[in-house]
C-alpha atoms as a PDB file:
ATOM      1  CA  MET A   1      14.283  16.290  49.292  1.00  0.00           C
ATOM      2  CA  GLU A   2      14.018  14.223  52.724  1.00  0.00           C
ATOM      3  CA  LYS A   3      12.258  11.728  50.947  1.00  0.00           C
ATOM      4  CA  LEU A   4      14.789  10.936  48.133  1.00  0.00           C
ATOM      5  CA  ILE A   5      18.110  10.770  50.796  1.00  0.00           C
ATOM      6  CA  LEU A   6      15.798   8.495  52.714  1.00  0.00           C
ATOM      7  CA  ASN A   7      15.228   6.466  49.774  1.00  0.00           C
ATOM      8  CA  THR A   8      19.093   6.679  48.582  1.00  0.00           C
ATOM      9  CA  TYR A   9      19.787   5.539  52.180  1.00  0.00           C
ATOM     10  CA  LYS A  10      17.353   2.593  52.408  1.00  0.00           C
ATOM     11  CA  ASP A  11      18.912   1.305  48.719  1.00  0.00           C
ATOM     12  CA  ALA A  12      22.395   1.789  50.260  1.00  0.00           C
ATOM     13  CA  LEU A  13      21.350   0.026  53.640  1.00  0.00           C
ATOM     14  CA  THR A  14      19.437  -3.049  51.235  1.00  0.00           C
ATOM     15  CA  HIS A  15      22.549  -3.528  49.350  1.00  0.00           C
ATOM     16  CA  VAL A  16      24.817  -3.854  52.436  1.00  0.00           C
ATOM     17  CA  ILE A  17      22.730  -6.381  53.693  1.00  0.00           C
ATOM     18  CA  PHE A  18      21.768  -7.871  50.512  1.00  0.00           C
ATOM     19  CA  PRO A  19      24.256  -7.867  48.191  1.00  0.00           C
ATOM     20  CA  ARG A  20      23.686  -8.105  44.586  1.00  0.00           C
ATOM     21  CA  MET A  21      25.468 -10.968  42.774  1.00  0.00           C
ATOM     22  CA  CYS A  22      26.458 -11.603  38.725  1.00  0.00           C
ATOM     23  CA  ALA A  23      23.916 -14.141  37.524  1.00  0.00           C
ATOM     24  CA  HIS A  24      26.922 -15.461  35.508  1.00  0.00           C
ATOM     25  CA  CYS A  25      29.965 -15.050  37.797  1.00  0.00           C
ATOM     26  CA  ASP A  26      29.176 -14.544  40.915  1.00  0.00           C
ATOM     27  CA  ALA A  27      30.890 -11.040  41.580  1.00  0.00           C
ATOM     28  CA  GLU A  28      29.059  -8.547  43.474  1.00  0.00           C
ATOM     29  CA  ILE A  29      27.664  -5.973  41.321  1.00  0.00           C
ATOM     30  CA  GLY A  30      26.759  -2.677  41.611  1.00  0.00           C
ATOM     31  CA  ARG A  31      23.400  -0.702  42.265  1.00  0.00           C
ATOM     32  CA  PHE A  32      22.993   0.662  39.129  1.00  0.00           C
ATOM     33  CA  GLU A  33      24.037  -2.737  37.170  1.00  0.00           C
ATOM     34  CA  ASP A  34      21.323  -5.394  35.859  1.00  0.00           C
ATOM     35  CA  PHE A  35      22.112  -8.769  36.952  1.00  0.00           C
ATOM     36  CA  LEU A  36      25.276  -9.031  35.477  1.00  0.00           C
ATOM     37  CA  CYS A  37      28.562  -7.642  36.361  1.00  0.00           C
ATOM     38  CA  HIS A  38      29.779  -4.984  33.647  1.00  0.00           C
ATOM     39  CA  ALA A  39      32.741  -7.569  32.842  1.00  0.00           C
ATOM     40  CA  CYS A  40      29.971  -9.831  31.926  1.00  0.00           C
ATOM     41  CA  TRP A  41      27.853  -7.774  30.130  1.00  0.00           C
ATOM     42  CA  GLU A  42      30.838  -7.070  27.855  1.00  0.00           C
ATOM     43  CA  LYS A  43      30.944 -10.569  27.058  1.00  0.00           C
ATOM     44  CA  VAL A  44      27.462 -10.634  25.757  1.00  0.00           C
ATOM     45  CA  GLU A  45      26.905 -10.620  21.559  1.00  0.00           C
ATOM     46  CA  PRO A  46      24.230  -8.757  20.681  1.00  0.00           C
ATOM     47  CA  THR A  47      22.705  -9.782  16.906  1.00  0.00           C
ATOM     48  CA  TYR A  48      22.152  -6.236  15.768  1.00  0.00           C
ATOM     49  CA  TYR A  49      19.259  -7.502  13.813  1.00  0.00           C
ATOM     50  CA  GLU A  50      17.370  -4.542  14.146  1.00  0.00           C
ATOM     51  CA  MET A  51      20.078  -2.539  12.000  1.00  0.00           C
ATOM     52  CA  LEU A  52      19.734  -4.947   8.953  1.00  0.00           C
ATOM     53  CA  LYS A  53      18.259  -4.681   5.959  1.00  0.00           C
ATOM     54  CA  GLU A  54      18.932  -7.599   4.619  1.00  0.00           C
ATOM     55  CA  ASN A  55      17.359 -11.320   5.992  1.00  0.00           C
ATOM     56  CA  THR A  56      19.295 -12.298   8.945  1.00  0.00           C
ATOM     57  CA  ALA A  57      20.228 -15.613   9.687  1.00  0.00           C
ATOM     58  CA  LEU A  58      16.992 -16.080  11.797  1.00  0.00           C
ATOM     59  CA  ASP A  59      14.712 -15.583   8.703  1.00  0.00           C
ATOM     60  CA  LYS A  60      16.764 -17.755   7.066  1.00  0.00           C
ATOM     61  CA  LEU A  61      16.118 -20.640   9.360  1.00  0.00           C
ATOM     62  CA  PHE A  62      12.033 -20.721   8.662  1.00  0.00           C
ATOM     63  CA  TYR A  63      12.561 -20.481   4.973  1.00  0.00           C
ATOM     64  CA  ALA A  64      10.460 -23.410   3.514  1.00  0.00           C
ATOM     65  CA  ARG A  65       9.187 -24.267   6.841  1.00  0.00           C
ATOM     66  CA  VAL A  66       6.537 -21.342   8.137  1.00  0.00           C
ATOM     67  CA  LYS A  67       5.892 -18.069   6.685  1.00  0.00           C
ATOM     68  CA  LEU A  68       6.549 -15.063   8.958  1.00  0.00           C
ATOM     69  CA  LYS A  69       6.039 -11.555   9.076  1.00  0.00           C
ATOM     70  CA  SER A  70       9.178 -10.605  10.711  1.00  0.00           C
ATOM     71  CA  SER A  71      11.804 -12.158  13.447  1.00  0.00           C
ATOM     72  CA  TYR A  72      13.668 -10.559  16.463  1.00  0.00           C
ATOM     73  CA  ALA A  73      16.266 -12.072  18.616  1.00  0.00           C
ATOM     74  CA  LEU A  74      18.500  -9.629  21.289  1.00  0.00           C
ATOM     75  CA  PHE A  75      21.525 -11.835  21.562  1.00  0.00           C
ATOM     76  CA  HIS A  76      23.403 -14.603  20.054  1.00  0.00           C
ATOM     77  CA  PHE A  77      23.420 -17.513  22.403  1.00  0.00           C
ATOM     78  CA  SER A  78      26.031 -20.051  23.397  1.00  0.00           C
ATOM     79  CA  GLU A  79      27.070 -22.607  25.901  1.00  0.00           C
ATOM     80  CA  GLY A  80      28.888 -20.809  28.377  1.00  0.00           C
ATOM     81  CA  ASN A  81      28.241 -17.418  27.748  1.00  0.00           C
ATOM     82  CA  PRO A  82      26.330 -14.864  30.224  1.00  0.00           C
ATOM     83  CA  ILE A  83      22.987 -15.031  28.623  1.00  0.00           C
ATOM     84  CA  GLN A  84      22.957 -18.607  29.194  1.00  0.00           C
ATOM     85  CA  SER A  85      23.180 -17.810  32.888  1.00  0.00           C
ATOM     86  CA  LEU A  86      20.995 -15.069  32.581  1.00  0.00           C
ATOM     87  CA  LEU A  87      18.213 -17.577  31.153  1.00  0.00           C
ATOM     88  CA  HIS A  88      19.036 -20.485  33.425  1.00  0.00           C
ATOM     89  CA  ASN A  89      18.085 -17.864  36.356  1.00  0.00           C
ATOM     90  CA  LEU A  90      14.972 -17.117  34.750  1.00  0.00           C
ATOM     91  CA  LYS A  91      13.627 -20.424  34.186  1.00  0.00           C
ATOM     92  CA  TYR A  92      14.997 -22.497  37.305  1.00  0.00           C
ATOM     93  CA  LYS A  93      15.825 -20.077  39.786  1.00  0.00           C
ATOM     94  CA  HIS A  94      12.479 -17.834  40.015  1.00  0.00           C
ATOM     95  CA  LYS A  95      14.071 -14.956  38.932  1.00  0.00           C
ATOM     96  CA  GLU A  96      11.149 -13.472  37.202  1.00  0.00           C
ATOM     97  CA  LYS A  97      12.497  -9.915  37.160  1.00  0.00           C
ATOM     98  CA  VAL A  98      15.193 -11.395  34.879  1.00  0.00           C
ATOM     99  CA  GLY A  99      12.500 -11.676  32.227  1.00  0.00           C
ATOM    100  CA  LEU A 100      10.923  -8.415  32.602  1.00  0.00           C
ATOM    101  CA  TYR A 101      14.070  -6.745  32.060  1.00  0.00           C
ATOM    102  CA  LEU A 102      14.857  -8.491  29.134  1.00  0.00           C
ATOM    103  CA  GLY A 103      11.268  -8.371  27.810  1.00  0.00           C
ATOM    104  CA  LYS A 104      11.589  -4.529  28.160  1.00  0.00           C
ATOM    105  CA  CYS A 105      15.020  -4.489  26.464  1.00  0.00           C
ATOM    106  CA  LEU A 106      13.622  -6.700  23.539  1.00  0.00           C
ATOM    107  CA  GLY A 107      10.861  -4.179  23.326  1.00  0.00           C
ATOM    108  CA  VAL A 108      13.040  -1.123  23.187  1.00  0.00           C
ATOM    109  CA  LYS A 109      15.137  -3.010  19.887  1.00  0.00           C
ATOM    110  CA  ILE A 110      11.676  -3.651  18.187  1.00  0.00           C
ATOM    111  CA  LYS A 111      10.362  -0.458  18.641  1.00  0.00           C
ATOM    112  CA  GLU A 112      13.754   0.844  16.996  1.00  0.00           C
ATOM    113  CA  MET A 113      12.764  -1.034  14.062  1.00  0.00           C
ATOM    114  CA  HIS A 114       8.798  -0.231  13.770  1.00  0.00           C
ATOM    115  CA  LYS A 115       8.135   3.075  15.337  1.00  0.00           C
ATOM    116  CA  ALA A 116       4.394   1.827  15.471  1.00  0.00           C
ATOM    117  CA  PRO A 117       4.641  -2.113  16.185  1.00  0.00           C
ATOM    118  CA  TYR A 118       1.722  -3.594  13.835  1.00  0.00           C
ATOM    119  CA  PHE A 119       0.776  -6.483  16.090  1.00  0.00           C
ATOM    120  CA  ASP A 120      -2.671  -6.585  17.630  1.00  0.00           C
ATOM    121  CA  ALA A 121      -1.310  -9.148  20.567  1.00  0.00           C
ATOM    122  CA  ILE A 122       1.764 -10.794  22.167  1.00  0.00           C
ATOM    123  CA  ILE A 123       1.804 -14.673  22.472  1.00  0.00           C
ATOM    124  CA  PRO A 124       3.796 -16.248  25.012  1.00  0.00           C
ATOM    125  CA  VAL A 125       5.181 -20.181  23.823  1.00  0.00           C
ATOM    126  CA  PRO A 126       3.172 -22.029  26.030  1.00  0.00           C
ATOM    127  CA  ILE A 127       4.444 -24.612  28.515  1.00  0.00           C
ATOM    128  CA  HIS A 128       2.392 -27.864  29.841  1.00  0.00           C
ATOM    129  CA  PRO A 129       0.038 -26.869  32.889  1.00  0.00           C
ATOM    130  CA  LYS A 130       2.077 -29.243  34.808  1.00  0.00           C
ATOM    131  CA  LYS A 131       5.428 -28.356  34.079  1.00  0.00           C
ATOM    132  CA  GLU A 132       4.208 -24.622  34.721  1.00  0.00           C
ATOM    133  CA  PHE A 133       2.487 -25.914  38.318  1.00  0.00           C
ATOM    134  CA  GLN A 134       5.997 -27.210  39.079  1.00  0.00           C
ATOM    135  CA  ARG A 135       8.376 -24.103  38.026  1.00  0.00           C
ATOM    136  CA  GLY A 136       5.700 -21.767  39.375  1.00  0.00           C
ATOM    137  CA  TYR A 137       5.143 -19.465  36.357  1.00  0.00           C
ATOM    138  CA  ASN A 138       5.937 -19.576  32.462  1.00  0.00           C
ATOM    139  CA  GLN A 139       9.102 -18.110  31.971  1.00  0.00           C
ATOM    140  CA  CYS A 140       8.153 -16.260  28.390  1.00  0.00           C
ATOM    141  CA  ASP A 141       5.235 -15.098  30.569  1.00  0.00           C
ATOM    142  CA  SER A 142       7.364 -12.729  31.907  1.00  0.00           C
ATOM    143  CA  LEU A 143       9.253 -11.881  28.830  1.00  0.00           C
ATOM    144  CA  CYS A 144       5.650 -11.067  27.303  1.00  0.00           C
ATOM    145  CA  ARG A 145       4.820  -8.386  30.222  1.00  0.00           C
ATOM    146  CA  GLY A 146       8.317  -6.723  29.934  1.00  0.00           C
ATOM    147  CA  LEU A 147       7.651  -6.378  26.091  1.00  0.00           C
ATOM    148  CA  ALA A 148       3.659  -5.129  26.634  1.00  0.00           C
ATOM    149  CA  ASN A 149       5.270  -2.506  29.211  1.00  0.00           C
ATOM    150  CA  ILE A 150       7.518  -1.256  26.004  1.00  0.00           C
ATOM    151  CA  LEU A 151       5.362  -1.646  22.926  1.00  0.00           C
ATOM    152  CA  GLN A 152       1.854  -0.878  24.401  1.00  0.00           C
ATOM    153  CA  ILE A 153       0.164  -4.294  23.217  1.00  0.00           C
ATOM    154  CA  PRO A 154      -1.833  -6.696  25.462  1.00  0.00           C
ATOM    155  CA  VAL A 155      -0.485 -10.040  25.967  1.00  0.00           C
ATOM    156  CA  ASP A 156      -2.593 -13.002  25.530  1.00  0.00           C
ATOM    157  CA  LYS A 157      -1.360 -16.300  27.404  1.00  0.00           C
ATOM    158  CA  HIS A 158      -4.695 -17.990  26.638  1.00  0.00           C
ATOM    159  CA  LEU A 159      -4.786 -18.003  23.080  1.00  0.00           C
ATOM    160  CA  LEU A 160      -2.839 -21.611  23.083  1.00  0.00           C
ATOM    161  CA  ILE A 161      -1.977 -24.434  24.986  1.00  0.00           C
ATOM    162  CA  LYS A 162       0.716 -27.057  25.066  1.00  0.00           C
ATOM    163  CA  ASN A 163      -0.925 -30.845  24.934  1.00  0.00           C
ATOM    164  CA  LYS A 164       2.041 -33.115  26.058  1.00  0.00           C
ATOM    165  CA  ASN A 165       4.437 -32.478  28.654  1.00  0.00           C
ATOM    166  CA  THR A 166       7.625 -33.143  27.271  1.00  0.00           C
ATOM    167  CA  GLU A 167      11.189 -32.936  28.535  1.00  0.00           C
ATOM    168  CA  SER A 168      13.785 -30.674  28.325  1.00  0.00           C
ATOM    169  CA  GLN A 169      15.267 -30.476  24.546  1.00  0.00           C
ATOM    170  CA  THR A 170      18.689 -29.015  25.373  1.00  0.00           C
ATOM    171  CA  LYS A 171      20.386 -32.330  24.362  1.00  0.00           C
ATOM    172  CA  ASN A 172      18.171 -33.927  21.479  1.00  0.00           C
ATOM    173  CA  ASN A 173      19.283 -33.357  17.764  1.00  0.00           C
ATOM    174  CA  LYS A 174      17.470 -31.245  15.323  1.00  0.00           C
ATOM    175  CA  TRP A 175      15.312 -34.498  14.303  1.00  0.00           C
ATOM    176  CA  ALA A 176      14.216 -35.344  17.755  1.00  0.00           C
ATOM    177  CA  ARG A 177      13.374 -31.877  18.818  1.00  0.00           C
ATOM    178  CA  TRP A 178      11.098 -31.418  15.652  1.00  0.00           C
ATOM    179  CA  GLU A 179       9.110 -35.089  16.345  1.00  0.00           C
ATOM    180  CA  ASN A 180       8.625 -34.391  20.030  1.00  0.00           C
ATOM    181  CA  THR A 181       6.876 -30.910  18.907  1.00  0.00           C
ATOM    182  CA  LEU A 182       4.581 -32.362  16.180  1.00  0.00           C
ATOM    183  CA  GLY A 183       0.974 -32.076  17.482  1.00  0.00           C
ATOM    184  CA  ASN A 184       2.397 -30.587  20.293  1.00  0.00           C
ATOM    185  CA  PHE A 185       0.141 -27.330  20.370  1.00  0.00           C
ATOM    186  CA  THR A 186      -3.896 -26.340  19.887  1.00  0.00           C
ATOM    187  CA  LEU A 187      -5.992 -22.898  19.769  1.00  0.00           C
ATOM    188  CA  LYS A 188      -7.823 -22.827  22.621  1.00  0.00           C
ATOM    189  CA  GLN A 189     -10.848 -21.398  20.594  1.00  0.00           C
ATOM    190  CA  ARG A 190     -11.731 -21.873  17.046  1.00  0.00           C
ATOM    191  CA  ASP A 191     -12.065 -18.154  16.454  1.00  0.00           C
ATOM    192  CA  MET A 192      -9.315 -15.801  15.976  1.00  0.00           C
ATOM    193  CA  PRO A 193      -9.887 -12.216  17.392  1.00  0.00           C
ATOM    194  CA  TYR A 194      -6.517 -11.059  15.432  1.00  0.00           C
ATOM    195  CA  LYS A 195      -4.619 -10.716  12.357  1.00  0.00           C
ATOM    196  CA  SER A 196      -1.469 -10.011  13.326  1.00  0.00           C
ATOM    197  CA  ILE A 197       0.896 -11.542  16.537  1.00  0.00           C
ATOM    198  CA  LEU A 198       4.141 -11.594  17.814  1.00  0.00           C
ATOM    199  CA  ILE A 199       5.177 -14.852  19.463  1.00  0.00           C
ATOM    200  CA  VAL A 200       7.654 -14.890  22.134  1.00  0.00           C
ATOM    201  CA  ASP A 201      10.027 -17.863  23.217  1.00  0.00           C
ATOM    202  CA  ASP A 202      13.235 -17.406  25.718  1.00  0.00           C
ATOM    203  CA  VAL A 203      15.757 -18.976  23.248  1.00  0.00           C
ATOM    204  CA  ILE A 204      15.671 -20.182  19.448  1.00  0.00           C
ATOM    205  CA  THR A 205      17.952 -23.282  18.588  1.00  0.00           C
ATOM    206  CA  THR A 206      16.742 -25.182  16.041  1.00  0.00           C
ATOM    207  CA  GLY A 207      13.338 -23.427  15.363  1.00  0.00           C
ATOM    208  CA  SER A 208      11.253 -26.614  15.956  1.00  0.00           C
ATOM    209  CA  THR A 209       9.207 -25.825  18.814  1.00  0.00           C
ATOM    210  CA  LEU A 210       7.866 -22.303  16.968  1.00  0.00           C
ATOM    211  CA  GLU A 211       7.655 -24.228  13.195  1.00  0.00           C
ATOM    212  CA  SER A 212       4.965 -26.393  15.293  1.00  0.00           C
ATOM    213  CA  LEU A 213       3.136 -23.766  17.088  1.00  0.00           C
ATOM    214  CA  CYS A 214       3.104 -21.545  13.770  1.00  0.00           C
ATOM    215  CA  THR A 215       1.644 -24.391  11.638  1.00  0.00           C
ATOM    216  CA  SER A 216      -1.047 -25.041  14.419  1.00  0.00           C
ATOM    217  CA  LEU A 217      -1.727 -21.642  13.361  1.00  0.00           C
ATOM    218  CA  THR A 218      -1.883 -21.267  10.255  1.00  0.00           C
ATOM    219  CA  LYS A 219      -3.667 -24.457   9.698  1.00  0.00           C
ATOM    220  CA  GLU A 220      -6.548 -23.073  11.232  1.00  0.00           C
ATOM    221  CA  HIS A 221      -6.160 -19.242   9.778  1.00  0.00           C
ATOM    222  CA  PRO A 222      -3.809 -19.231   7.022  1.00  0.00           C
ATOM    223  CA  SER A 223      -4.604 -15.611   6.664  1.00  0.00           C
ATOM    224  CA  LEU A 224      -2.939 -14.770   9.994  1.00  0.00           C
ATOM    225  CA  GLU A 225       0.110 -12.653  10.169  1.00  0.00           C
ATOM    226  CA  ILE A 226       2.452 -14.295  12.683  1.00  0.00           C
ATOM    227  CA  SER A 227       5.962 -12.536  13.669  1.00  0.00           C
ATOM    228  CA  ILE A 228       8.464 -13.983  16.355  1.00  0.00           C
ATOM    229  CA  ALA A 229      11.060 -12.694  18.777  1.00  0.00           C
ATOM    230  CA  SER A 230      13.451 -14.188  21.440  1.00  0.00           C
ATOM    231  CA  ILE A 231      16.125 -13.215  23.919  1.00  0.00           C
ATOM    232  CA  ALA A 232      18.580 -15.289  22.286  1.00  0.00           C
ATOM    233  CA  PHE A 233      19.337 -17.348  19.094  1.00  0.00           C
ATOM    234  CA  ALA A 234      21.749 -20.243  18.628  1.00  0.00           C
ATOM    235  CA  GLY A 235      22.192 -19.620  14.950  1.00  0.00           C
ATOM    236  CA  ARG A 236      24.705 -17.260  13.249  1.00  0.00           C
END
């Protein structure tokens, strides 16, 4: 009991000295709020894809492009939405805890859809080694660790490598994105130790990155079952 009281006191004192701020509006958030204030969480738009039995907009994005076993996305992505701020904190402000938290949230939703997930491994979308060195980490790795914590499936961050150190594609149109991703990924080893994998990205916009990655995999291993998952999806 004394230990519980002491820990509570320490938590309260830490919050006073180092107040936690909302990643979107910079308002101070409570001890039991996660990264966003209550008002900003209210602005977040879940996809609810885990509740749909028909094909989703994310499924349809990859029609006639690559064959997917399944697809998942937690939130809708739009400019100025709190989810954009959360992912910006993860990607550029070294807030890896955001990735772990969002990965766990995604894992819970996937588990709701499949009581026993059928993936052999979770694969983060790789970034170029130079960019990973500059940034300090690959943001998708932390998402995958959060997912693995819920799904109890191993993460393999060494299966694929990115060949080209491309610039940010946020301002590129669909065709420019597609051209930039051609031949962008290769398998680090020719043997494929898995029958079914889940590839994880932070945001899906045009799908060009995942299309290139999946094409690289199925070219060498056509029987491989591929599923994809992301925190946010820009389509509707």
